[in-house]
C-alpha atoms as a PDB file:
ATOM      1  CA  MET A   1      83.055 143.906  93.264  1.00  0.00           C
ATOM      2  CA  SER A   2      83.722 145.655  89.959  1.00  0.00           C
ATOM      3  CA  LYS A   3      85.377 143.782  87.108  1.00  0.00           C
ATOM      4  CA  GLN A   4      89.137 144.331  86.954  1.00  0.00           C
ATOM      5  CA  ALA A   5      90.107 146.639  84.093  1.00  0.00           C
ATOM      6  CA  THR A   6      92.204 145.235  81.241  1.00  0.00           C
ATOM      7  CA  THR A   7      95.316 147.276  80.618  1.00  0.00           C
ATOM      8  CA  SER A   8      96.996 145.165  77.924  1.00  0.00           C
ATOM      9  CA  TYR A   9      96.173 145.497  74.238  1.00  0.00           C
ATOM     10  CA  PRO A  10      93.735 142.695  73.268  1.00  0.00           C
ATOM     11  CA  LYS A  11      95.660 139.722  71.892  1.00  0.00           C
ATOM     12  CA  GLU A  12      93.002 139.020  69.279  1.00  0.00           C
ATOM     13  CA  ARG A  13      93.667 142.438  67.736  1.00  0.00           C
ATOM     14  CA  ILE A  14      97.424 141.926  67.390  1.00  0.00           C
ATOM     15  CA  ASN A  15      98.485 140.988  63.870  1.00  0.00           C
ATOM     16  CA  ILE A  16     101.482 138.682  63.499  1.00  0.00           C
ATOM     17  CA  LEU A  17     103.250 137.875  60.235  1.00  0.00           C
ATOM     18  CA  PHE A  18     105.787 135.059  59.793  1.00  0.00           C
ATOM     19  CA  LEU A  19     107.867 134.880  56.624  1.00  0.00           C
ATOM     20  CA  GLU A  20     110.322 132.399  55.061  1.00  0.00           C
ATOM     21  CA  ASN A  21     108.534 129.256  56.215  1.00  0.00           C
ATOM     22  CA  ILE A  22     109.167 129.691  59.928  1.00  0.00           C
ATOM     23  CA  SER A  23     108.247 126.532  61.849  1.00  0.00           C
ATOM     24  CA  ASP A  24     104.572 125.765  62.387  1.00  0.00           C
ATOM     25  CA  LYS A  25     105.421 125.324  66.076  1.00  0.00           C
ATOM     26  CA  ALA A  26     105.864 129.112  66.317  1.00  0.00           C
ATOM     27  CA  VAL A  27     102.408 129.670  64.834  1.00  0.00           C
ATOM     28  CA  GLN A  28     100.869 127.070  67.147  1.00  0.00           C
ATOM     29  CA  TYR A  29     102.554 128.555  70.208  1.00  0.00           C
ATOM     30  CA  PHE A  30     101.273 132.072  69.556  1.00  0.00           C
ATOM     31  CA  LYS A  31      97.755 130.788  68.937  1.00  0.00           C
ATOM     32  CA  GLN A  32      97.885 128.791  72.170  1.00  0.00           C
ATOM     33  CA  GLN A  33      98.744 132.028  73.962  1.00  0.00           C
ATOM     34  CA  GLY A  34      95.641 133.726  72.563  1.00  0.00           C
ATOM     35  CA  TYR A  35      97.060 135.451  69.484  1.00  0.00           C
ATOM     36  CA  THR A  36      94.513 134.502  66.827  1.00  0.00           C
ATOM     37  CA  ASN A  37      95.673 136.690  63.923  1.00  0.00           C
ATOM     38  CA  VAL A  38      98.815 134.855  62.835  1.00  0.00           C
ATOM     39  CA  ARG A  39      99.756 134.600  59.154  1.00  0.00           C
ATOM     40  CA  LYS A  40     102.567 132.497  57.743  1.00  0.00           C
ATOM     41  CA  LEU A  41     104.107 132.845  54.269  1.00  0.00           C
ATOM     42  CA  SER A  42     106.517 130.303  52.826  1.00  0.00           C
ATOM     43  CA  GLY A  43     109.029 132.642  51.197  1.00  0.00           C
ATOM     44  CA  ALA A  44     110.708 136.013  51.568  1.00  0.00           C
ATOM     45  CA  LEU A  45     109.095 139.167  50.169  1.00  0.00           C
ATOM     46  CA  SER A  46     110.584 142.001  48.148  1.00  0.00           C
ATOM     47  CA  GLU A  47     110.652 145.530  49.551  1.00  0.00           C
ATOM     48  CA  ASP A  48     107.549 146.543  47.588  1.00  0.00           C
ATOM     49  CA  GLU A  49     105.679 143.417  48.689  1.00  0.00           C
ATOM     50  CA  LEU A  50     106.667 143.997  52.318  1.00  0.00           C
ATOM     51  CA  ILE A  51     105.482 147.597  52.209  1.00  0.00           C
ATOM     52  CA  LYS A  52     102.010 146.336  51.220  1.00  0.00           C
ATOM     53  CA  GLU A  53     101.952 143.538  53.802  1.00  0.00           C
ATOM     54  CA  VAL A  54     103.208 145.311  56.958  1.00  0.00           C
ATOM     55  CA  LYS A  55     100.750 148.193  57.125  1.00  0.00           C
ATOM     56  CA  ASP A  56      98.707 146.700  59.995  1.00  0.00           C
ATOM     57  CA  VAL A  57     101.277 144.218  61.344  1.00  0.00           C
ATOM     58  CA  HIS A  58     102.334 144.478  65.001  1.00  0.00           C
ATOM     59  CA  LEU A  59     104.882 141.646  65.131  1.00  0.00           C
ATOM     60  CA  ILE A  60     106.892 140.200  62.246  1.00  0.00           C
ATOM     61  CA  GLY A  61     109.084 137.094  62.224  1.00  0.00           C
ATOM     62  CA  ILE A  62     111.740 136.689  59.535  1.00  0.00           C
ATOM     63  CA  ARG A  63     114.833 134.680  58.683  1.00  0.00           C
ATOM     64  CA  SER A  64     117.953 135.803  56.818  1.00  0.00           C
ATOM     65  CA  LYS A  65     116.604 136.590  53.320  1.00  0.00           C
ATOM     66  CA  THR A  66     114.000 139.193  54.246  1.00  0.00           C
ATOM     67  CA  GLN A  67     115.339 142.752  54.213  1.00  0.00           C
ATOM     68  CA  ILE A  68     113.589 145.156  56.598  1.00  0.00           C
ATOM     69  CA  THR A  69     114.584 148.527  55.137  1.00  0.00           C
ATOM     70  CA  ALA A  70     113.819 152.076  56.230  1.00  0.00           C
ATOM     71  CA  LYS A  71     111.003 152.235  53.638  1.00  0.00           C
ATOM     72  CA  VAL A  72     109.438 149.073  55.034  1.00  0.00           C
ATOM     73  CA  LEU A  73     109.636 150.456  58.562  1.00  0.00           C
ATOM     74  CA  ASP A  74     108.031 153.727  57.424  1.00  0.00           C
ATOM     75  CA  ALA A  75     105.097 151.733  56.046  1.00  0.00           C
ATOM     76  CA  ALA A  76     104.752 149.621  59.198  1.00  0.00           C
ATOM     77  CA  LYS A  77     102.806 152.120  61.279  1.00  0.00           C
ATOM     78  CA  LYS A  78     101.803 149.613  63.968  1.00  0.00           C
ATOM     79  CA  LEU A  79     104.977 147.520  64.120  1.00  0.00           C
ATOM     80  CA  GLN A  80     106.244 146.838  67.662  1.00  0.00           C
ATOM     81  CA  ALA A  81     108.872 144.135  67.231  1.00  0.00           C
ATOM     82  CA  ILE A  82     110.886 142.182  64.667  1.00  0.00           C
ATOM     83  CA  GLY A  83     111.954 138.647  65.516  1.00  0.00           C
ATOM     84  CA  CYS A  84     114.873 137.309  63.470  1.00  0.00           C
ATOM     85  CA  PHE A  85     114.713 133.506  63.603  1.00  0.00           C
ATOM     86  CA  CYS A  86     118.431 133.270  62.827  1.00  0.00           C
ATOM     87  CA  ILE A  87     121.880 134.230  64.113  1.00  0.00           C
ATOM     88  CA  GLY A  88     122.205 137.880  63.040  1.00  0.00           C
ATOM     89  CA  VAL A  89     120.124 141.021  62.621  1.00  0.00           C
ATOM     90  CA  ASN A  90     122.077 142.609  59.750  1.00  0.00           C
ATOM     91  CA  GLN A  91     119.052 142.182  57.443  1.00  0.00           C
ATOM     92  CA  VAL A  92     117.251 144.857  59.463  1.00  0.00           C
ATOM     93  CA  ASP A  93     117.911 148.611  59.281  1.00  0.00           C
ATOM     94  CA  LEU A  94     118.633 148.880  62.997  1.00  0.00           C
ATOM     95  CA  LYS A  95     119.036 152.677  63.037  1.00  0.00           C
ATOM     96  CA  SER A  96     115.595 153.196  61.526  1.00  0.00           C
ATOM     97  CA  ALA A  97     114.073 150.570  63.808  1.00  0.00           C
ATOM     98  CA  THR A  98     115.573 152.267  66.869  1.00  0.00           C
ATOM     99  CA  LYS A  99     114.237 155.682  65.811  1.00  0.00           C
ATOM    100  CA  LYS A 100     110.757 154.216  65.507  1.00  0.00           C
ATOM    101  CA  GLY A 101     110.956 152.324  68.798  1.00  0.00           C
ATOM    102  CA  VAL A 102     110.736 148.918  67.118  1.00  0.00           C
ATOM    103  CA  VAL A 103     112.425 146.160  69.131  1.00  0.00           C
ATOM    104  CA  VAL A 104     114.675 143.820  67.115  1.00  0.00           C
ATOM    105  CA  PHE A 105     115.851 140.498  68.523  1.00  0.00           C
ATOM    106  CA  ASN A 106     117.444 137.322  67.188  1.00  0.00           C
ATOM    107  CA  ALA A 107     118.069 133.699  68.180  1.00  0.00           C
ATOM    108  CA  PRO A 108     121.879 133.502  68.474  1.00  0.00           C
ATOM    109  CA  TYR A 109     121.961 129.912  69.726  1.00  0.00           C
ATOM    110  CA  SER A 110     119.091 128.453  67.684  1.00  0.00           C
ATOM    111  CA  ASN A 111     121.149 126.473  65.178  1.00  0.00           C
ATOM    112  CA  THR A 112     124.660 126.704  66.658  1.00  0.00           C
ATOM    113  CA  ARG A 113     125.150 122.993  67.239  1.00  0.00           C
ATOM    114  CA  SER A 114     123.511 122.054  63.956  1.00  0.00           C
ATOM    115  CA  VAL A 115     125.893 124.225  61.920  1.00  0.00           C
ATOM    116  CA  ALA A 116     128.920 123.099  63.949  1.00  0.00           C
ATOM    117  CA  GLU A 117     128.147 119.431  63.295  1.00  0.00           C
ATOM    118  CA  LEU A 118     127.580 120.134  59.617  1.00  0.00           C
ATOM    119  CA  VAL A 119     131.001 121.823  59.331  1.00  0.00           C
ATOM    120  CA  ILE A 120     132.700 118.769  60.837  1.00  0.00           C
ATOM    121  CA  GLY A 121     130.692 116.430  58.605  1.00  0.00           C
ATOM    122  CA  ILE A 122     131.589 118.358  55.453  1.00  0.00           C
ATOM    123  CA  SER A 123     135.245 118.475  56.536  1.00  0.00           C
ATOM    124  CA  VAL A 124     135.309 114.668  56.735  1.00  0.00           C
ATOM    125  CA  MET A 125     133.692 114.395  53.297  1.00  0.00           C
ATOM    126  CA  LEU A 126     136.111 116.850  51.689  1.00  0.00           C
ATOM    127  CA  ILE A 127     139.347 115.558  53.180  1.00  0.00           C
ATOM    128  CA  ARG A 128     138.443 111.956  52.273  1.00  0.00           C
ATOM    129  CA  LYS A 129     137.128 112.940  48.825  1.00  0.00           C
ATOM    130  CA  ILE A 130     133.850 111.177  49.553  1.00  0.00           C
ATOM    131  CA  SER A 131     131.890 113.282  47.050  1.00  0.00           C
ATOM    132  CA  ASP A 132     134.211 112.218  44.214  1.00  0.00           C
ATOM    133  CA  LYS A 133     133.995 108.564  45.214  1.00  0.00           C
ATOM    134  CA  ASN A 134     130.225 108.800  45.585  1.00  0.00           C
ATOM    135  CA  MET A 135     129.857 110.261  42.101  1.00  0.00           C
ATOM    136  CA  ALA A 136     132.100 107.539  40.658  1.00  0.00           C
ATOM    137  CA  ALA A 137     130.132 104.811  42.456  1.00  0.00           C
ATOM    138  CA  HIS A 138     126.912 106.061  40.869  1.00  0.00           C
ATOM    139  CA  LYS A 139     128.630 105.687  37.498  1.00  0.00           C
ATOM    140  CA  GLY A 140     129.597 102.112  38.303  1.00  0.00           C
ATOM    141  CA  ILE A 141     133.231 102.894  39.149  1.00  0.00           C
ATOM    142  CA  TRP A 142     134.612 101.593  42.469  1.00  0.00           C
ATOM    143  CA  MET A 143     137.362 104.027  43.609  1.00  0.00           C
ATOM    144  CA  LYS A 144     138.862 102.019  46.437  1.00  0.00           C
ATOM    145  CA  ASP A 145     142.209 103.856  46.237  1.00  0.00           C
ATOM    146  CA  ALA A 146     142.887 105.885  49.408  1.00  0.00           C
ATOM    147  CA  LYS A 147     145.433 108.155  47.702  1.00  0.00           C
ATOM    148  CA  GLY A 148     144.728 111.793  48.525  1.00  0.00           C
ATOM    149  CA  SER A 149     142.318 110.847  51.335  1.00  0.00           C
ATOM    150  CA  TYR A 150     143.213 111.730  54.918  1.00  0.00           C
ATOM    151  CA  GLU A 151     141.966 111.613  58.501  1.00  0.00           C
ATOM    152  CA  LEU A 152     141.010 114.808  60.305  1.00  0.00           C
ATOM    153  CA  ARG A 153     143.155 113.748  63.256  1.00  0.00           C
ATOM    154  CA  GLY A 154     146.362 115.751  63.357  1.00  0.00           C
ATOM    155  CA  LYS A 155     145.193 118.314  60.803  1.00  0.00           C
ATOM    156  CA  THR A 156     144.807 122.024  61.573  1.00  0.00           C
ATOM    157  CA  LEU A 157     141.388 123.660  61.339  1.00  0.00           C
ATOM    158  CA  GLY A 158     141.476 127.406  60.735  1.00  0.00           C
ATOM    159  CA  LEU A 159     138.477 129.381  61.920  1.00  0.00           C
ATOM    160  CA  ILE A 160     137.718 132.910  60.756  1.00  0.00           C
ATOM    161  CA  GLY A 161     135.293 134.134  63.388  1.00  0.00           C
ATOM    162  CA  TYR A 162     135.189 132.643  66.883  1.00  0.00           C
ATOM    163  CA  GLY A 163     131.663 133.423  68.027  1.00  0.00           C
ATOM    164  CA  ASN A 164     128.924 131.041  69.109  1.00  0.00           C
ATOM    165  CA  ILE A 165     129.292 128.749  66.099  1.00  0.00           C
ATOM    166  CA  GLY A 166     133.040 129.068  65.564  1.00  0.00           C
ATOM    167  CA  SER A 167     133.808 128.151  69.156  1.00  0.00           C
ATOM    168  CA  GLN A 168     131.484 125.114  68.983  1.00  0.00           C
ATOM    169  CA  VAL A 169     133.230 123.937  65.817  1.00  0.00           C
ATOM    170  CA  SER A 170     136.502 124.367  67.714  1.00  0.00           C
ATOM    171  CA  VAL A 171     135.365 122.058  70.531  1.00  0.00           C
ATOM    172  CA  LEU A 172     134.133 119.346  68.154  1.00  0.00           C
ATOM    173  CA  ALA A 173     137.296 119.548  66.048  1.00  0.00           C
ATOM    174  CA  GLU A 174     139.536 119.077  69.085  1.00  0.00           C
ATOM    175  CA  ALA A 175     137.493 116.051  70.125  1.00  0.00           C
ATOM    176  CA  LEU A 176     138.492 114.502  66.800  1.00  0.00           C
ATOM    177  CA  GLY A 177     142.151 115.215  67.414  1.00  0.00           C
ATOM    178  CA  MET A 178     142.484 118.346  65.309  1.00  0.00           C
ATOM    179  CA  LYS A 179     144.512 121.434  66.086  1.00  0.00           C
ATOM    180  CA  VAL A 180     142.533 124.671  66.015  1.00  0.00           C
ATOM    181  CA  LEU A 181     143.795 128.099  64.979  1.00  0.00           C
ATOM    182  CA  PHE A 182     141.372 131.011  64.894  1.00  0.00           C
ATOM    183  CA  TYR A 183     141.161 134.708  64.139  1.00  0.00           C
ATOM    184  CA  ASP A 184     138.477 137.138  65.275  1.00  0.00           C
ATOM    185  CA  THR A 185     138.225 140.920  65.083  1.00  0.00           C
ATOM    186  CA  GLU A 186     137.465 140.920  68.804  1.00  0.00           C
ATOM    187  CA  THR A 187     139.507 139.362  71.587  1.00  0.00           C
ATOM    188  CA  LYS A 188     137.994 135.968  72.398  1.00  0.00           C
ATOM    189  CA  LEU A 189     138.896 133.481  75.129  1.00  0.00           C
ATOM    190  CA  PRO A 190     140.072 130.244  73.453  1.00  0.00           C
ATOM    191  CA  LEU A 191     138.288 127.032  74.396  1.00  0.00           C
ATOM    192  CA  GLY A 192     140.374 123.924  75.038  1.00  0.00           C
ATOM    193  CA  ASN A 193     143.722 124.081  73.249  1.00  0.00           C
ATOM    194  CA  ALA A 194     142.618 126.425  70.459  1.00  0.00           C
ATOM    195  CA  VAL A 195     145.141 129.142  69.591  1.00  0.00           C
ATOM    196  CA  ALA A 196     144.250 132.725  68.717  1.00  0.00           C
ATOM    197  CA  ALA A 197     146.126 134.003  65.652  1.00  0.00           C
ATOM    198  CA  LYS A 198     147.257 137.595  65.268  1.00  0.00           C
ATOM    199  CA  SER A 199     145.947 137.916  61.736  1.00  0.00           C
ATOM    200  CA  MET A 200     143.700 136.265  59.187  1.00  0.00           C
ATOM    201  CA  LYS A 201     146.765 135.653  56.999  1.00  0.00           C
ATOM    202  CA  GLU A 202     148.323 133.586  59.786  1.00  0.00           C
ATOM    203  CA  VAL A 203     145.242 131.339  59.891  1.00  0.00           C
ATOM    204  CA  LEU A 204     145.045 130.956  56.118  1.00  0.00           C
ATOM    205  CA  SER A 205     148.719 130.051  55.725  1.00  0.00           C
ATOM    206  CA  ASN A 206     148.828 127.485  58.547  1.00  0.00           C
ATOM    207  CA  SER A 207     145.571 125.543  58.182  1.00  0.00           C
ATOM    208  CA  ASP A 208     144.564 122.407  56.294  1.00  0.00           C
ATOM    209  CA  ILE A 209     140.874 123.312  56.402  1.00  0.00           C
ATOM    210  CA  ILE A 210     139.326 126.796  56.634  1.00  0.00           C
ATOM    211  CA  SER A 211     135.834 127.505  57.983  1.00  0.00           C
ATOM    212  CA  LEU A 212     134.270 130.973  57.928  1.00  0.00           C
ATOM    213  CA  HIS A 213     131.857 132.082  60.653  1.00  0.00           C
ATOM    214  CA  VAL A 214     131.333 135.811  60.188  1.00  0.00           C
ATOM    215  CA  PRO A 215     128.289 138.047  59.682  1.00  0.00           C
ATOM    216  CA  GLU A 216     127.430 139.401  56.225  1.00  0.00           C
ATOM    217  CA  THR A 217     128.599 142.944  56.977  1.00  0.00           C
ATOM    218  CA  ALA A 218     131.319 145.208  55.623  1.00  0.00           C
END
């Protein structure tokens, strides 16, 4: 019986480049799958640096700082896909990528819970003035006075943007007894008892705490 022909491009000839200190687990996973040419760089690269690096790259993994421009895509003659290890893809020239047949994908849920918890944590610190008291404590001053410090319970959290992260923040905030008012450019189904505002001004004028969850676009 003749040997079965291989139709896929040899994995050992595929060049993969990871930027911005993407987790070593990603590198390990690709190598376990047979992709031996995987490079990882700790930081982002400028446009000129990228143009030099992507000439023979087939797959590139980036985070939010790296800008994949039309010039970079023109230089990437072998590029097949761009993986954005973050929420958005606005750091990539999508029109140019589409024209060249380069697939662009992101990880919309990768750090949703992490960011949502951080927002709640920072809200507690701000409304209780913990940072001020912490700084004073390091100077040997014990600010035991609770004046100007409040609980989150009963306060209104205003969310600008009610996507994956905004809606998660909404759920956590309600669990702490907060009221949630949000505004989004698109119609979104409220979770729990959250209320959709008709304008951003309505959110800003009726909230004790404001949290922004929008992409960096015009």
